[in-house]
Amino acid sequence: LGIAMLHLEYFVANLVREFEWKEMPGEEVDFAETREFTVVMKKPLRARLVRRTSGSG
């Protein structure tokens, strides 16, 4: 489990580093919550990924 967590952290860090995360055109981020097994977003988050240019990272 330990090595899996390291790989997951590395994967997420690379996604954050390599892409700009923006909302979908015409949509706003809704932070309303609902309870299931855990607290989750009422409306699932949808993101538009834009690859960063080599000069901005």
N, C-alpha and C. Protein backbone atom coordinates (compact mmCIF):
# COMPACT_ATOMS: atom_id res chain seq x y z
N LEU A 1 0.82 -1.20 0.00
CA LEU A 1 0.00 0.00 0.00
C LEU A 1 0.86 1.25 0.00
N GLY A 2 2.00 1.22 0.69
CA GLY A 2 2.87 2.38 0.75
C GLY A 2 3.39 2.82 -0.60
N ILE A 3 3.84 1.86 -1.42
CA ILE A 3 4.37 2.20 -2.74
C ILE A 3 3.25 2.70 -3.65
N ALA A 4 2.04 2.16 -3.48
CA ALA A 4 0.90 2.62 -4.28
C ALA A 4 0.58 4.07 -3.97
N MET A 5 0.65 4.46 -2.71
CA MET A 5 0.38 5.85 -2.33
C MET A 5 1.43 6.78 -2.91
N LEU A 6 2.69 6.35 -2.93
CA LEU A 6 3.74 7.17 -3.52
C LEU A 6 3.50 7.38 -5.01
N HIS A 7 3.11 6.33 -5.70
CA HIS A 7 2.82 6.45 -7.14
C HIS A 7 1.62 7.36 -7.38
N LEU A 8 0.60 7.24 -6.56
CA LEU A 8 -0.59 8.07 -6.71
C LEU A 8 -0.24 9.54 -6.48
N GLU A 9 0.53 9.84 -5.44
CA GLU A 9 0.95 11.22 -5.17
C GLU A 9 1.77 11.78 -6.32
N TYR A 10 2.65 10.98 -6.88
CA TYR A 10 3.47 11.41 -8.01
C TYR A 10 2.60 11.68 -9.24
N PHE A 11 1.63 10.81 -9.49
CA PHE A 11 0.72 10.96 -10.63
C PHE A 11 -0.08 12.26 -10.51
N VAL A 12 -0.66 12.51 -9.34
CA VAL A 12 -1.46 13.72 -9.13
C VAL A 12 -0.58 14.96 -9.22
N ALA A 13 0.62 14.91 -8.65
CA ALA A 13 1.53 16.06 -8.72
C ALA A 13 1.87 16.39 -10.17
N ASN A 14 2.07 15.39 -11.00
CA ASN A 14 2.36 15.64 -12.41
C ASN A 14 1.16 16.23 -13.14
N LEU A 15 -0.05 15.79 -12.82
CA LEU A 15 -1.24 16.38 -13.43
C LEU A 15 -1.35 17.86 -13.08
N VAL A 16 -1.08 18.19 -11.82
CA VAL A 16 -1.16 19.59 -11.39
C VAL A 16 -0.07 20.42 -12.06
N ARG A 17 1.11 19.85 -12.20
CA ARG A 17 2.23 20.59 -12.78
C ARG A 17 2.08 20.79 -14.29
N GLU A 18 1.60 19.79 -14.99
CA GLU A 18 1.59 19.82 -16.45
C GLU A 18 0.38 20.52 -17.07
N PHE A 19 -0.69 20.69 -16.30
CA PHE A 19 -1.92 21.23 -16.88
C PHE A 19 -2.44 22.41 -16.08
N GLU A 20 -3.12 23.33 -16.78
CA GLU A 20 -3.90 24.37 -16.13
C GLU A 20 -5.30 23.81 -15.99
N TRP A 21 -5.87 23.90 -14.81
CA TRP A 21 -7.20 23.36 -14.55
C TRP A 21 -8.20 24.50 -14.58
N LYS A 22 -9.19 24.40 -15.47
CA LYS A 22 -10.19 25.46 -15.63
C LYS A 22 -11.58 24.84 -15.63
N GLU A 23 -12.58 25.67 -15.32
CA GLU A 23 -13.95 25.17 -15.39
C GLU A 23 -14.36 25.01 -16.85
N MET A 24 -15.36 24.18 -17.06
CA MET A 24 -15.88 23.97 -18.41
C MET A 24 -16.55 25.26 -18.88
N PRO A 25 -16.46 25.57 -20.16
CA PRO A 25 -17.10 26.79 -20.67
C PRO A 25 -18.61 26.78 -20.37
N GLY A 26 -19.07 27.89 -19.82
CA GLY A 26 -20.50 28.03 -19.52
C GLY A 26 -20.94 27.39 -18.22
N GLU A 27 -20.02 26.80 -17.46
CA GLU A 27 -20.37 26.16 -16.19
C GLU A 27 -19.62 26.84 -15.06
N GLU A 28 -20.26 26.88 -13.89
CA GLU A 28 -19.61 27.38 -12.70
C GLU A 28 -19.38 26.21 -11.75
N VAL A 29 -18.36 26.32 -10.93
CA VAL A 29 -18.08 25.27 -9.94
C VAL A 29 -19.09 25.44 -8.80
N ASP A 30 -19.79 24.37 -8.49
CA ASP A 30 -20.80 24.37 -7.43
C ASP A 30 -20.24 23.60 -6.24
N PHE A 31 -20.08 24.26 -5.10
CA PHE A 31 -19.49 23.63 -3.93
C PHE A 31 -20.53 23.01 -2.99
N ALA A 32 -21.78 22.89 -3.45
CA ALA A 32 -22.82 22.26 -2.63
C ALA A 32 -22.44 20.81 -2.36
N GLU A 33 -22.79 20.34 -1.16
CA GLU A 33 -22.42 18.98 -0.75
C GLU A 33 -23.66 18.11 -0.58
N THR A 34 -23.44 16.81 -0.63
CA THR A 34 -24.47 15.83 -0.30
C THR A 34 -23.78 14.70 0.47
N ARG A 35 -24.54 14.02 1.32
CA ARG A 35 -23.96 12.93 2.11
C ARG A 35 -24.29 11.59 1.48
N GLU A 36 -23.26 10.81 1.26
CA GLU A 36 -23.42 9.42 0.84
C GLU A 36 -22.65 8.63 1.88
N PHE A 37 -21.72 7.80 1.49
CA PHE A 37 -20.86 7.13 2.48
C PHE A 37 -19.93 8.17 3.10
N THR A 38 -19.53 9.13 2.29
CA THR A 38 -18.76 10.29 2.74
C THR A 38 -19.44 11.52 2.16
N VAL A 39 -18.93 12.69 2.48
CA VAL A 39 -19.48 13.92 1.91
C VAL A 39 -18.87 14.10 0.53
N VAL A 40 -19.72 14.26 -0.47
CA VAL A 40 -19.27 14.44 -1.85
C VAL A 40 -19.95 15.67 -2.45
N MET A 41 -19.43 16.11 -3.58
CA MET A 41 -20.04 17.25 -4.27
C MET A 41 -21.40 16.83 -4.82
N LYS A 42 -22.40 17.69 -4.66
CA LYS A 42 -23.74 17.40 -5.18
C LYS A 42 -23.72 17.31 -6.69
N LYS A 43 -22.98 18.22 -7.33
CA LYS A 43 -22.82 18.20 -8.79
C LYS A 43 -21.35 17.86 -9.05
N PRO A 44 -21.06 16.72 -9.69
CA PRO A 44 -19.66 16.31 -9.91
C PRO A 44 -18.84 17.39 -10.62
N LEU A 45 -17.61 17.53 -10.20
CA LEU A 45 -16.70 18.53 -10.77
C LEU A 45 -16.28 18.10 -12.16
N ARG A 46 -16.42 19.01 -13.11
CA ARG A 46 -15.94 18.78 -14.47
C ARG A 46 -14.88 19.83 -14.74
N ALA A 47 -13.76 19.40 -15.27
CA ALA A 47 -12.66 20.32 -15.51
C ALA A 47 -12.20 20.24 -16.95
N ARG A 48 -11.68 21.35 -17.41
CA ARG A 48 -11.08 21.42 -18.75
C ARG A 48 -9.58 21.57 -18.52
N LEU A 49 -8.80 20.64 -19.05
CA LEU A 49 -7.35 20.68 -18.87
C LEU A 49 -6.71 21.35 -20.07
N VAL A 50 -5.84 22.30 -19.81
CA VAL A 50 -5.10 22.98 -20.86
C VAL A 50 -3.63 22.75 -20.58
N ARG A 51 -2.93 22.15 -21.54
CA ARG A 51 -1.52 21.85 -21.35
C ARG A 51 -0.73 23.14 -21.18
N ARG A 52 0.10 23.19 -20.16
CA ARG A 52 0.94 24.37 -19.93
C ARG A 52 2.00 24.46 -21.01
N THR A 53 2.37 25.67 -21.36
CA THR A 53 3.47 25.84 -22.31
C THR A 53 4.77 25.60 -21.57
N SER A 54 5.81 25.26 -22.28
CA SER A 54 7.09 24.91 -21.65
C SER A 54 7.69 26.08 -20.87
N GLY A 55 7.35 27.31 -21.19
CA GLY A 55 7.92 28.47 -20.51
C GLY A 55 7.25 28.81 -19.20
N SER A 56 6.05 28.25 -18.91
CA SER A 56 5.33 28.64 -17.70
C SER A 56 5.55 27.68 -16.53
N GLY A 57 6.30 26.61 -16.70
CA GLY A 57 6.47 25.63 -15.62
C GLY A 57 7.82 25.65 -15.14
